[in-house]
């Protein structure tokens, strides 16, 4: 949980227990479903069975999704 502390809770003023649970839940979703892990071949733990994403080209469109109020950004290719 060190990465959760370094990447999320150290950068947000937590106001109450419910807020903390929301932040940790949102970060956990990001960590397990989107964040690339070097030891897993740049895949997220929940996406190990999916085929690798295609390599981006010069005209590839990218969609950005902000999480935790813009603290974390997730990028996906748009078909």
PDB file of N, CA and C in Angstrom:
ATOM      1  N   UNK A   1       0.817  -1.201   0.000  1.00  0.00           N
ATOM      2  CA  UNK A   1       0.000   0.000   0.000  1.00  0.00           C
ATOM      3  C   UNK A   1       0.859   1.262   0.000  1.00  0.00           C
ATOM      4  N   UNK A   2       2.160   1.090  -0.099  1.00  0.00           N
ATOM      5  CA  UNK A   2       3.037   2.249  -0.160  1.00  0.00           C
ATOM      6  C   UNK A   2       2.766   3.113  -1.369  1.00  0.00           C
ATOM      7  N   UNK A   3       2.456   2.471  -2.510  1.00  0.00           N
ATOM      8  CA  UNK A   3       2.189   3.266  -3.706  1.00  0.00           C
ATOM      9  C   UNK A   3       0.899   4.056  -3.555  1.00  0.00           C
ATOM     10  N   UNK A   4      -0.087   3.525  -2.879  1.00  0.00           N
ATOM     11  CA  UNK A   4      -1.330   4.269  -2.627  1.00  0.00           C
ATOM     12  C   UNK A   4      -1.038   5.501  -1.786  1.00  0.00           C
ATOM     13  N   UNK A   5      -0.219   5.325  -0.777  1.00  0.00           N
ATOM     14  CA  UNK A   5       0.126   6.457   0.087  1.00  0.00           C
ATOM     15  C   UNK A   5       0.904   7.502  -0.699  1.00  0.00           C
ATOM     16  N   UNK A   6       1.938   7.068  -1.442  1.00  0.00           N
ATOM     17  CA  UNK A   6       2.784   8.022  -2.179  1.00  0.00           C
ATOM     18  C   UNK A   6       2.035   8.711  -3.311  1.00  0.00           C
ATOM     19  N   UNK A   7       1.217   7.964  -4.055  1.00  0.00           N
ATOM     20  CA  UNK A   7       0.585   8.515  -5.252  1.00  0.00           C
ATOM     21  C   UNK A   7      -0.771   9.164  -4.993  1.00  0.00           C
ATOM     22  N   UNK A   8      -1.408   8.877  -3.872  1.00  0.00           N
ATOM     23  CA  UNK A   8      -2.757   9.410  -3.653  1.00  0.00           C
ATOM     24  C   UNK A   8      -2.910  10.116  -2.310  1.00  0.00           C
ATOM     25  N   UNK A   9      -2.834   9.379  -1.217  1.00  0.00           N
ATOM     26  CA  UNK A   9      -3.199   9.980   0.066  1.00  0.00           C
ATOM     27  C   UNK A   9      -2.222  11.049   0.548  1.00  0.00           C
ATOM     28  N   UNK A  10      -0.958  10.997   0.126  1.00  0.00           N
ATOM     29  CA  UNK A  10      -0.021  12.059   0.510  1.00  0.00           C
ATOM     30  C   UNK A  10      -0.284  13.360  -0.244  1.00  0.00           C
ATOM     31  N   UNK A  11      -1.088  13.305  -1.296  1.00  0.00           N
ATOM     32  CA  UNK A  11      -1.321  14.475  -2.144  1.00  0.00           C
ATOM     33  C   UNK A  11      -2.728  15.047  -1.999  1.00  0.00           C
ATOM     34  N   UNK A  12      -3.544  14.442  -1.150  1.00  0.00           N
ATOM     35  CA  UNK A  12      -4.927  14.877  -0.960  1.00  0.00           C
ATOM     36  C   UNK A  12      -5.155  15.109   0.529  1.00  0.00           C
ATOM     37  N   UNK A  13      -5.858  16.178   0.854  1.00  0.00           N
ATOM     38  CA  UNK A  13      -6.243  16.430   2.241  1.00  0.00           C
ATOM     39  C   UNK A  13      -7.473  15.577   2.542  1.00  0.00           C
ATOM     40  N   UNK A  14      -7.291  14.549   3.349  1.00  0.00           N
ATOM     41  CA  UNK A  14      -8.381  13.641   3.705  1.00  0.00           C
ATOM     42  C   UNK A  14      -9.158  14.279   4.853  1.00  0.00           C
ATOM     43  N   UNK A  15     -10.475  14.402   4.683  1.00  0.00           N
ATOM     44  CA  UNK A  15     -11.276  15.124   5.675  1.00  0.00           C
ATOM     45  C   UNK A  15     -12.014  14.222   6.646  1.00  0.00           C
ATOM     46  N   UNK A  16     -12.301  12.986   6.264  1.00  0.00           N
ATOM     47  CA  UNK A  16     -13.021  12.075   7.150  1.00  0.00           C
ATOM     48  C   UNK A  16     -12.825  10.638   6.672  1.00  0.00           C
ATOM     49  N   UNK A  17     -13.289   9.689   7.451  1.00  0.00           N
ATOM     50  CA  UNK A  17     -13.093   8.277   7.114  1.00  0.00           C
ATOM     51  C   UNK A  17     -13.767   7.919   5.788  1.00  0.00           C
ATOM     52  N   UNK A  18     -14.963   8.440   5.550  1.00  0.00           N
ATOM     53  CA  UNK A  18     -15.662   8.136   4.292  1.00  0.00           C
ATOM     54  C   UNK A  18     -14.868   8.641   3.091  1.00  0.00           C
ATOM     55  N   UNK A  19     -14.265   9.805   3.222  1.00  0.00           N
ATOM     56  CA  UNK A  19     -13.435  10.365   2.156  1.00  0.00           C
ATOM     57  C   UNK A  19     -12.210   9.480   1.925  1.00  0.00           C
ATOM     58  N   UNK A  20     -11.579   9.024   2.997  1.00  0.00           N
ATOM     59  CA  UNK A  20     -10.426   8.131   2.883  1.00  0.00           C
ATOM     60  C   UNK A  20     -10.809   6.848   2.158  1.00  0.00           C
ATOM     61  N   UNK A  21     -11.939   6.257   2.520  1.00  0.00           N
ATOM     62  CA  UNK A  21     -12.391   5.030   1.866  1.00  0.00           C
ATOM     63  C   UNK A  21     -12.646   5.262   0.375  1.00  0.00           C
ATOM     64  N   UNK A  22     -13.209   6.395   0.017  1.00  0.00           N
ATOM     65  CA  UNK A  22     -13.458   6.730  -1.381  1.00  0.00           C
ATOM     66  C   UNK A  22     -12.148   6.852  -2.152  1.00  0.00           C
ATOM     67  N   UNK A  23     -11.167   7.554  -1.592  1.00  0.00           N
ATOM     68  CA  UNK A  23      -9.875   7.747  -2.247  1.00  0.00           C
ATOM     69  C   UNK A  23      -9.158   6.416  -2.422  1.00  0.00           C
ATOM     70  N   UNK A  24      -9.122   5.603  -1.388  1.00  0.00           N
ATOM     71  CA  UNK A  24      -8.435   4.308  -1.464  1.00  0.00           C
ATOM     72  C   UNK A  24      -9.143   3.387  -2.456  1.00  0.00           C
ATOM     73  N   UNK A  25     -10.460   3.397  -2.479  1.00  0.00           N
ATOM     74  CA  UNK A  25     -11.214   2.581  -3.421  1.00  0.00           C
ATOM     75  C   UNK A  25     -10.937   3.005  -4.863  1.00  0.00           C
ATOM     76  N   UNK A  26     -10.946   4.299  -5.125  1.00  0.00           N
ATOM     77  CA  UNK A  26     -10.681   4.811  -6.469  1.00  0.00           C
ATOM     78  C   UNK A  26      -9.251   4.471  -6.900  1.00  0.00           C
ATOM     79  N   UNK A  27      -8.291   4.621  -5.997  1.00  0.00           N
ATOM     80  CA  UNK A  27      -6.908   4.295  -6.328  1.00  0.00           C
ATOM     81  C   UNK A  27      -6.747   2.799  -6.577  1.00  0.00           C
ATOM     82  N   UNK A  28      -7.403   1.968  -5.780  1.00  0.00           N
ATOM     83  CA  UNK A  28      -7.322   0.520  -5.953  1.00  0.00           C
ATOM     84  C   UNK A  28      -7.853   0.110  -7.322  1.00  0.00           C
ATOM     85  N   UNK A  29      -8.972   0.703  -7.745  1.00  0.00           N
ATOM     86  CA  UNK A  29      -9.508   0.425  -9.083  1.00  0.00           C
ATOM     87  C   UNK A  29      -8.486   0.802 -10.153  1.00  0.00           C
ATOM     88  N   UNK A  30      -7.888   1.974 -10.020  1.00  0.00           N
ATOM     89  CA  UNK A  30      -6.878   2.434 -10.977  1.00  0.00           C
ATOM     90  C   UNK A  30      -5.677   1.481 -10.987  1.00  0.00           C
ATOM     91  N   UNK A  31      -5.196   1.119  -9.825  1.00  0.00           N
ATOM     92  CA  UNK A  31      -4.006   0.280  -9.691  1.00  0.00           C
ATOM     93  C   UNK A  31      -4.216  -1.101 -10.309  1.00  0.00           C
ATOM     94  N   UNK A  32      -5.383  -1.697 -10.088  1.00  0.00           N
ATOM     95  CA  UNK A  32      -5.630  -3.064 -10.548  1.00  0.00           C
ATOM     96  C   UNK A  32      -6.174  -3.153 -11.968  1.00  0.00           C
ATOM     97  N   UNK A  33      -6.808  -2.086 -12.470  1.00  0.00           N
ATOM     98  CA  UNK A  33      -7.451  -2.168 -13.773  1.00  0.00           C
ATOM     99  C   UNK A  33      -6.762  -1.368 -14.870  1.00  0.00           C
ATOM    100  N   UNK A  34      -5.937  -0.396 -14.508  1.00  0.00           N
ATOM    101  CA  UNK A  34      -5.366   0.438 -15.565  1.00  0.00           C
ATOM    102  C   UNK A  34      -3.852   0.660 -15.456  1.00  0.00           C
ATOM    103  N   UNK A  35      -3.334   0.872 -14.273  1.00  0.00           N
ATOM    104  CA  UNK A  35      -1.930   1.245 -14.093  1.00  0.00           C
ATOM    105  C   UNK A  35      -0.997   0.153 -14.611  1.00  0.00           C
ATOM    106  N   UNK A  36      -0.071   0.499 -15.508  1.00  0.00           N
ATOM    107  CA  UNK A  36       0.853  -0.515 -16.023  1.00  0.00           C
ATOM    108  C   UNK A  36       1.875  -0.936 -14.959  1.00  0.00           C
ATOM    109  N   UNK A  37       2.175  -2.213 -14.946  1.00  0.00           N
ATOM    110  CA  UNK A  37       3.161  -2.771 -14.016  1.00  0.00           C
ATOM    111  C   UNK A  37       4.310  -3.347 -14.841  1.00  0.00           C
ATOM    112  N   UNK A  38       5.513  -2.894 -14.555  1.00  0.00           N
ATOM    113  CA  UNK A  38       6.679  -3.317 -15.327  1.00  0.00           C
ATOM    114  C   UNK A  38       6.876  -4.828 -15.287  1.00  0.00           C
ATOM    115  N   UNK A  39       6.697  -5.437 -14.134  1.00  0.00           N
ATOM    116  CA  UNK A  39       6.917  -6.878 -14.017  1.00  0.00           C
ATOM    117  C   UNK A  39       5.843  -7.703 -14.704  1.00  0.00           C
ATOM    118  N   UNK A  40       4.724  -7.080 -15.081  1.00  0.00           N
ATOM    119  CA  UNK A  40       3.637  -7.778 -15.767  1.00  0.00           C
ATOM    120  C   UNK A  40       3.592  -7.418 -17.246  1.00  0.00           C
ATOM    121  N   UNK A  41       4.702  -6.947 -17.787  1.00  0.00           N
ATOM    122  CA  UNK A  41       4.755  -6.593 -19.204  1.00  0.00           C
ATOM    123  C   UNK A  41       3.939  -5.358 -19.530  1.00  0.00           C
ATOM    124  N   UNK A  42       3.937  -4.387 -18.648  1.00  0.00           N
ATOM    125  CA  UNK A  42       3.199  -3.124 -18.793  1.00  0.00           C
ATOM    126  C   UNK A  42       1.686  -3.333 -18.847  1.00  0.00           C
ATOM    127  N   UNK A  43       1.208  -4.368 -18.197  1.00  0.00           N
ATOM    128  CA  UNK A  43      -0.236  -4.611 -18.095  1.00  0.00           C
ATOM    129  C   UNK A  43      -0.680  -4.445 -16.656  1.00  0.00           C
ATOM    130  N   UNK A  44      -1.959  -4.172 -16.492  1.00  0.00           N
ATOM    131  CA  UNK A  44      -2.549  -4.101 -15.156  1.00  0.00           C
ATOM    132  C   UNK A  44      -2.890  -5.518 -14.692  1.00  0.00           C
ATOM    133  N   UNK A  45      -2.891  -5.775 -13.384  1.00  0.00           N
ATOM    134  CA  UNK A  45      -3.168  -7.126 -12.883  1.00  0.00           C
ATOM    135  C   UNK A  45      -4.497  -7.696 -13.362  1.00  0.00           C
ATOM    136  N   UNK A  46      -5.548  -6.900 -13.448  1.00  0.00           N
ATOM    137  CA  UNK A  46      -6.846  -7.408 -13.874  1.00  0.00           C
ATOM    138  C   UNK A  46      -6.940  -7.597 -15.390  1.00  0.00           C
ATOM    139  N   UNK A  47      -5.927  -7.203 -16.137  1.00  0.00           N
ATOM    140  CA  UNK A  47      -5.976  -7.279 -17.605  1.00  0.00           C
ATOM    141  C   UNK A  47      -4.910  -8.215 -18.184  1.00  0.00           C
ATOM    142  N   UNK A  48      -4.439  -9.154 -17.402  1.00  0.00           N
ATOM    143  CA  UNK A  48      -3.391 -10.058 -17.866  1.00  0.00           C
ATOM    144  C   UNK A  48      -3.866 -10.987 -18.974  1.00  0.00           C
ATOM    145  N   UNK A  49      -5.137 -11.320 -19.012  1.00  0.00           N
ATOM    146  CA  UNK A  49      -5.638 -12.251 -20.024  1.00  0.00           C
ATOM    147  C   UNK A  49      -5.996 -11.553 -21.332  1.00  0.00           C
ATOM    148  N   UNK A  50      -6.048 -10.235 -21.341  1.00  0.00           N
ATOM    149  CA  UNK A  50      -6.374  -9.499 -22.564  1.00  0.00           C
ATOM    150  C   UNK A  50      -5.151  -9.424 -23.475  1.00  0.00           C
ATOM    151  N   UNK A  51      -5.371  -9.348 -24.791  1.00  0.00           N
ATOM    152  CA  UNK A  51      -4.223  -9.191 -25.696  1.00  0.00           C
ATOM    153  C   UNK A  51      -3.566  -7.833 -25.490  1.00  0.00           C
ATOM    154  N   UNK A  52      -2.305  -7.751 -25.884  1.00  0.00           N
ATOM    155  CA  UNK A  52      -1.585  -6.486 -25.736  1.00  0.00           C
ATOM    156  C   UNK A  52      -2.222  -5.405 -26.594  1.00  0.00           C
ATOM    157  N   UNK A  53      -2.186  -4.183 -26.093  1.00  0.00           N
ATOM    158  CA  UNK A  53      -2.745  -3.050 -26.830  1.00  0.00           C
ATOM    159  C   UNK A  53      -1.901  -2.787 -28.072  1.00  0.00           C
ATOM    160  N   UNK A  54      -2.525  -2.328 -29.153  1.00  0.00           N
ATOM    161  CA  UNK A  54      -1.746  -2.031 -30.361  1.00  0.00           C
ATOM    162  C   UNK A  54      -0.808  -0.857 -30.123  1.00  0.00           C
ATOM    163  N   UNK A  55       0.288  -0.844 -30.855  1.00  0.00           N
ATOM    164  CA  UNK A  55       1.263   0.232 -30.738  1.00  0.00           C
ATOM    165  C   UNK A  55       0.703   1.501 -31.365  1.00  0.00           C
ATOM    166  N   UNK A  56       0.914   2.616 -30.716  1.00  0.00           N
ATOM    167  CA  UNK A  56       0.402   3.900 -31.207  1.00  0.00           C
ATOM    168  C   UNK A  56       1.159   4.338 -32.456  1.00  0.00           C
ATOM    169  N   UNK A  57       0.436   4.975 -33.357  1.00  0.00           N
ATOM    170  CA  UNK A  57       1.042   5.552 -34.552  1.00  0.00           C
ATOM    171  C   UNK A  57       0.870   7.071 -34.488  1.00  0.00           C
ATOM    172  N   UNK A  58       1.333   7.757 -35.515  1.00  0.00           N
ATOM    173  CA  UNK A  58       1.249   9.214 -35.523  1.00  0.00           C
ATOM    174  C   UNK A  58      -0.177   9.736 -35.501  1.00  0.00           C
ATOM    175  N   UNK A  59      -1.120   9.005 -36.090  1.00  0.00           N
ATOM    176  CA  UNK A  59      -2.493   9.496 -36.140  1.00  0.00           C
ATOM    177  C   UNK A  59      -3.425   8.755 -35.187  1.00  0.00           C
ATOM    178  N   UNK A  60      -2.890   8.143 -34.148  1.00  0.00           N
ATOM    179  CA  UNK A  60      -3.694   7.474 -33.137  1.00  0.00           C
ATOM    180  C   UNK A  60      -4.298   8.515 -32.206  1.00  0.00           C
ATOM    181  N   UNK A  61      -5.598   8.392 -31.975  1.00  0.00           N
ATOM    182  CA  UNK A  61      -6.269   9.295 -31.035  1.00  0.00           C
ATOM    183  C   UNK A  61      -6.201   8.695 -29.644  1.00  0.00           C
ATOM    184  N   UNK A  62      -5.996   9.539 -28.660  1.00  0.00           N
ATOM    185  CA  UNK A  62      -5.867   9.105 -27.281  1.00  0.00           C
ATOM    186  C   UNK A  62      -6.905   9.832 -26.431  1.00  0.00           C
ATOM    187  N   UNK A  63      -7.570   9.089 -25.579  1.00  0.00           N
ATOM    188  CA  UNK A  63      -8.568   9.643 -24.675  1.00  0.00           C
ATOM    189  C   UNK A  63      -7.984   9.677 -23.271  1.00  0.00           C
ATOM    190  N   UNK A  64      -8.101  10.820 -22.590  1.00  0.00           N
ATOM    191  CA  UNK A  64      -7.597  10.943 -21.221  1.00  0.00           C
ATOM    192  C   UNK A  64      -8.770  10.963 -20.260  1.00  0.00           C
ATOM    193  N   UNK A  65      -8.674  10.175 -19.202  1.00  0.00           N
ATOM    194  CA  UNK A  65      -9.682  10.136 -18.147  1.00  0.00           C
ATOM    195  C   UNK A  65      -9.012  10.542 -16.842  1.00  0.00           C
ATOM    196  N   UNK A  66      -9.558  11.548 -16.191  1.00  0.00           N
ATOM    197  CA  UNK A  66      -9.022  12.004 -14.911  1.00  0.00           C
ATOM    198  C   UNK A  66      -9.693  11.242 -13.778  1.00  0.00           C
ATOM    199  N   UNK A  67      -8.882  10.846 -12.798  1.00  0.00           N
ATOM    200  CA  UNK A  67      -9.394  10.193 -11.596  1.00  0.00           C
ATOM    201  C   UNK A  67      -8.890  10.954 -10.384  1.00  0.00           C
ATOM    202  N   UNK A  68      -9.619  10.871  -9.311  1.00  0.00           N
ATOM    203  CA  UNK A  68      -9.297  11.566  -8.070  1.00  0.00           C
ATOM    204  C   UNK A  68      -9.126  13.068  -8.321  1.00  0.00           C
ATOM    205  N   UNK A  69     -10.059  13.635  -9.037  1.00  0.00           N
ATOM    206  CA  UNK A  69     -10.045  15.077  -9.273  1.00  0.00           C
ATOM    207  C   UNK A  69      -8.888  15.546 -10.134  1.00  0.00           C
ATOM    208  N   UNK A  70      -8.353  14.693 -10.973  1.00  0.00           N
ATOM    209  CA  UNK A  70      -7.250  15.065 -11.849  1.00  0.00           C
ATOM    210  C   UNK A  70      -5.880  14.710 -11.298  1.00  0.00           C
ATOM    211  N   UNK A  71      -5.824  14.101 -10.130  1.00  0.00           N
ATOM    212  CA  UNK A  71      -4.546  13.690  -9.556  1.00  0.00           C
ATOM    213  C   UNK A  71      -3.926  12.561 -10.373  1.00  0.00           C
ATOM    214  N   UNK A  72      -4.759  11.672 -10.863  1.00  0.00           N
ATOM    215  CA  UNK A  72      -4.305  10.539 -11.665  1.00  0.00           C
ATOM    216  C   UNK A  72      -4.955  10.663 -13.046  1.00  0.00           C
ATOM    217  N   UNK A  73      -4.172  10.426 -14.082  1.00  0.00           N
ATOM    218  CA  UNK A  73      -4.677  10.454 -15.456  1.00  0.00           C
ATOM    219  C   UNK A  73      -4.531   9.069 -16.060  1.00  0.00           C
ATOM    220  N   UNK A  74      -5.594   8.599 -16.721  1.00  0.00           N
ATOM    221  CA  UNK A  74      -5.557   7.334 -17.422  1.00  0.00           C
ATOM    222  C   UNK A  74      -5.716   7.617 -18.907  1.00  0.00           C
ATOM    223  N   UNK A  75      -4.911   6.976 -19.742  1.00  0.00           N
ATOM    224  CA  UNK A  75      -4.939   7.186 -21.177  1.00  0.00           C
ATOM    225  C   UNK A  75      -5.301   5.895 -21.888  1.00  0.00           C
ATOM    226  N   UNK A  76      -6.204   5.982 -22.865  1.00  0.00           N
ATOM    227  CA  UNK A  76      -6.570   4.838 -23.681  1.00  0.00           C
ATOM    228  C   UNK A  76      -6.621   5.269 -25.143  1.00  0.00           C
ATOM    229  N   UNK A  77      -6.343   4.305 -26.021  1.00  0.00           N
ATOM    230  CA  UNK A  77      -6.426   4.591 -27.449  1.00  0.00           C
ATOM    231  C   UNK A  77      -7.871   4.517 -27.901  1.00  0.00           C
ATOM    232  N   UNK A  78      -8.238   5.420 -28.798  1.00  0.00           N
ATOM    233  CA  UNK A  78      -9.592   5.456 -29.339  1.00  0.00           C
ATOM    234  C   UNK A  78      -9.545   4.865 -30.740  1.00  0.00           C
ATOM    235  N   UNK A  79     -10.457   3.949 -31.004  1.00  0.00           N
ATOM    236  CA  UNK A  79     -10.487   3.293 -32.329  1.00  0.00           C
ATOM    237  C   UNK A  79     -10.959   4.245 -33.405  1.00  0.00           C
TER     238      UNK A  79
END
